[in-house]
Amino acid sequence: MKYSFVSKSPKDTLEFGIRLGRLLKPGDIVCLEGQLGAGKTVLTRGIARALGIEDNVSSPTYTLINEYAGSMPLYHFDLYRLEDGEELLYIGGEDLLYGQGISVIEWASRAEDLLPPDCLWIRLITLDETESSRLIELAVSGKHSDLLERVRKGENTGY
């Protein structure tokens, strides 16, 4: 099942992340794809805010994983620098992926073979280099099918 909408600004992307974060449950894995600067970290900030996390959420490009404490833990992965998913295993990422928090993974396709089939996949596509418009596409399966329906019901609020 898929759903897409256009975010017209970083604020829209942040607000969508907040709405999405309120729907996530412990153990959920959100996989983010999109070119550099597409808004992956902005969306993650929104999810963090929904969990009551006040920390400055930044992309863990060099640390690979940032952990934040909120109403439930948020594990923010950035796999940009990894060659393949096996490297994620070496740094203990698998333990966090299957923990009691929410995992958000930027550049998730680099470890797709390690991820369960019922992840929530979100692709952010830059529509105009001079503007802040992004096409945000969500794809879900399995246990997340109900989540997609709840996101769809929010269409009358701009999403």
Protein backbone atom coordinates (compact mmCIF):
# COMPACT_ATOMS: atom_id res chain seq x y z
CA MET A 1 0.00 0.00 0.00
CA LYS A 2 1.25 3.45 -0.86
CA TYR A 3 0.44 7.04 -0.06
CA SER A 4 2.09 10.25 -1.22
CA PHE A 5 1.74 13.99 -0.72
CA VAL A 6 3.68 17.16 -1.43
CA SER A 7 5.44 18.95 1.40
CA LYS A 8 5.81 22.60 0.48
CA SER A 9 8.36 23.52 3.15
CA PRO A 10 10.64 22.11 5.84
CA LYS A 11 7.90 23.10 8.30
CA ASP A 12 5.43 20.83 6.45
CA THR A 13 7.95 17.98 6.57
CA LEU A 14 8.57 18.56 10.29
CA GLU A 15 4.84 18.64 11.03
CA PHE A 16 4.32 15.45 9.06
CA GLY A 17 7.07 13.82 11.13
CA ILE A 18 5.29 14.91 14.31
CA ARG A 19 2.00 13.44 13.10
CA LEU A 20 3.72 10.22 12.03
CA GLY A 21 5.66 9.97 15.29
CA ARG A 22 2.41 10.06 17.26
CA LEU A 23 1.27 6.95 15.36
CA LEU A 24 4.42 4.87 15.77
CA LYS A 25 4.75 2.06 18.29
CA PRO A 26 7.72 0.43 20.05
CA GLY A 27 9.62 -1.76 17.62
CA ASP A 28 8.58 0.20 14.51
CA ILE A 29 11.26 0.75 11.89
CA VAL A 30 11.02 3.77 9.59
CA CYS A 31 13.26 3.55 6.52
CA LEU A 32 14.10 6.84 4.83
CA GLU A 33 15.40 7.28 1.31
CA GLY A 34 16.18 10.45 -0.61
CA GLN A 35 19.09 12.41 -1.97
CA LEU A 36 21.25 14.60 0.25
CA GLY A 37 19.21 17.54 1.53
CA ALA A 38 15.84 15.95 0.74
CA GLY A 39 14.55 16.33 4.32
CA LYS A 40 15.24 12.96 5.95
CA THR A 41 16.66 14.50 9.11
CA VAL A 42 13.89 17.13 9.26
CA LEU A 43 11.30 14.35 9.17
CA THR A 44 13.23 12.53 11.92
CA ARG A 45 13.20 15.71 14.04
CA GLY A 46 9.42 15.69 13.78
CA ILE A 47 9.24 12.09 14.95
CA ALA A 48 11.54 13.00 17.85
CA ARG A 49 9.31 15.92 18.86
CA ALA A 50 6.29 13.63 18.90
CA LEU A 51 8.17 11.45 21.38
CA GLY A 52 8.88 14.45 23.62
CA ILE A 53 12.55 14.63 22.66
CA GLU A 54 13.86 18.17 23.04
CA ASP A 55 17.47 17.40 22.05
CA ASN A 56 18.90 18.83 18.86
CA VAL A 57 18.37 15.97 16.41
CA SER A 58 21.06 15.91 13.76
CA SER A 59 22.07 13.36 11.18
CA PRO A 60 24.48 10.81 12.65
CA THR A 61 26.53 10.66 9.44
CA TYR A 62 29.83 10.09 11.26
CA THR A 63 28.63 8.41 14.45
CA LEU A 64 26.21 6.19 12.45
CA ILE A 65 23.71 5.94 15.34
CA ASN A 66 22.28 8.52 17.73
CA GLU A 67 20.06 7.42 20.58
CA TYR A 68 17.54 9.81 22.14
CA ALA A 69 15.43 9.34 25.27
CA GLY A 70 11.78 10.34 25.10
CA SER A 71 8.44 8.70 25.82
CA MET A 72 10.17 5.76 24.14
CA PRO A 73 13.72 5.53 22.82
CA LEU A 74 14.49 6.81 19.33
CA TYR A 75 17.37 5.21 17.47
CA HIS A 76 18.44 7.40 14.55
CA PHE A 77 20.69 5.62 12.05
CA ASP A 78 22.50 7.11 9.07
CA LEU A 79 23.89 4.42 6.80
CA TYR A 80 25.26 6.76 4.13
CA ARG A 81 28.88 5.80 4.86
CA LEU A 82 28.28 2.06 4.99
CA GLU A 83 29.18 -0.21 2.10
CA ASP A 84 26.56 -2.81 3.01
CA GLY A 85 24.30 -3.99 5.81
CA GLU A 86 26.92 -6.29 7.31
CA GLU A 87 28.72 -3.24 8.69
CA LEU A 88 25.60 -2.41 10.69
CA LEU A 89 25.91 -5.76 12.45
CA TYR A 90 29.51 -5.00 13.48
CA ILE A 91 28.48 -1.85 15.34
CA GLY A 92 25.59 -3.52 17.18
CA GLY A 93 22.81 -1.92 15.14
CA GLU A 94 20.75 -5.07 15.00
CA ASP A 95 20.24 -5.01 18.79
CA LEU A 96 18.75 -1.52 18.55
CA LEU A 97 16.62 -2.32 15.50
CA TYR A 98 14.77 -4.98 17.41
CA GLY A 99 14.60 -3.13 20.72
CA GLN A 100 11.70 -1.39 22.42
CA GLY A 101 12.20 1.95 20.73
CA ILE A 102 11.52 3.38 17.31
CA SER A 103 14.26 3.10 14.71
CA VAL A 104 14.58 5.69 11.96
CA ILE A 105 17.12 4.77 9.30
CA GLU A 106 18.44 7.21 6.73
CA TRP A 107 19.78 5.49 3.57
CA ALA A 108 18.05 2.30 4.72
CA SER A 109 18.40 0.51 1.37
CA ARG A 110 22.08 -0.07 2.23
CA ALA A 111 20.93 -2.59 4.86
CA GLU A 112 17.66 -3.71 3.29
CA ASP A 113 18.64 -7.38 3.48
CA LEU A 114 18.83 -7.12 7.30
CA LEU A 115 15.48 -5.40 7.77
CA PRO A 116 12.15 -7.13 8.42
CA PRO A 117 9.58 -7.04 5.62
CA ASP A 118 7.11 -4.85 7.52
CA CYS A 119 9.15 -1.66 7.77
CA LEU A 120 7.59 1.68 6.91
CA TRP A 121 9.44 3.02 3.84
CA ILE A 122 9.43 6.75 3.12
CA ARG A 123 11.03 8.29 0.07
CA LEU A 124 11.59 12.05 -0.14
CA ILE A 125 12.02 13.49 -3.62
CA THR A 126 13.11 17.07 -4.28
CA LEU A 127 10.64 18.63 -6.72
CA ASP A 128 12.35 21.95 -7.35
CA GLU A 129 15.96 22.79 -6.52
CA THR A 130 15.13 26.44 -5.82
CA GLU A 131 12.07 25.69 -3.68
CA SER A 132 11.47 23.55 -0.61
CA SER A 133 8.83 21.32 -2.18
CA ARG A 134 9.24 17.59 -1.68
CA LEU A 135 7.20 14.64 -2.77
CA ILE A 136 6.93 12.32 0.21
CA GLU A 137 5.98 8.74 -0.63
CA LEU A 138 5.08 6.18 2.02
CA ALA A 139 4.98 2.46 1.34
CA VAL A 140 3.76 0.00 3.96
CA SER A 141 3.01 -3.67 4.35
CA GLY A 142 1.98 -6.06 7.05
CA LYS A 143 1.44 -4.53 10.48
CA HIS A 144 1.75 -0.99 9.13
CA SER A 145 -1.29 -1.16 6.85
CA ASP A 146 -3.44 0.39 9.58
CA LEU A 147 -0.87 3.15 10.09
CA LEU A 148 -1.18 4.14 6.44
CA GLU A 149 -4.94 4.41 6.81
CA ARG A 150 -4.50 6.69 9.83
CA VAL A 151 -2.09 8.86 7.85
CA ARG A 152 -4.60 9.02 5.00
CA LYS A 153 -7.35 10.15 7.37
CA GLY A 154 -5.21 13.19 8.10
CA GLU A 155 -5.56 14.40 4.50
CA ASN A 156 -8.01 17.09 5.55
CA THR A 157 -5.31 18.64 7.75
CA GLY A 158 -2.90 19.16 4.87
CA TYR A 159 -1.44 15.70 4.55
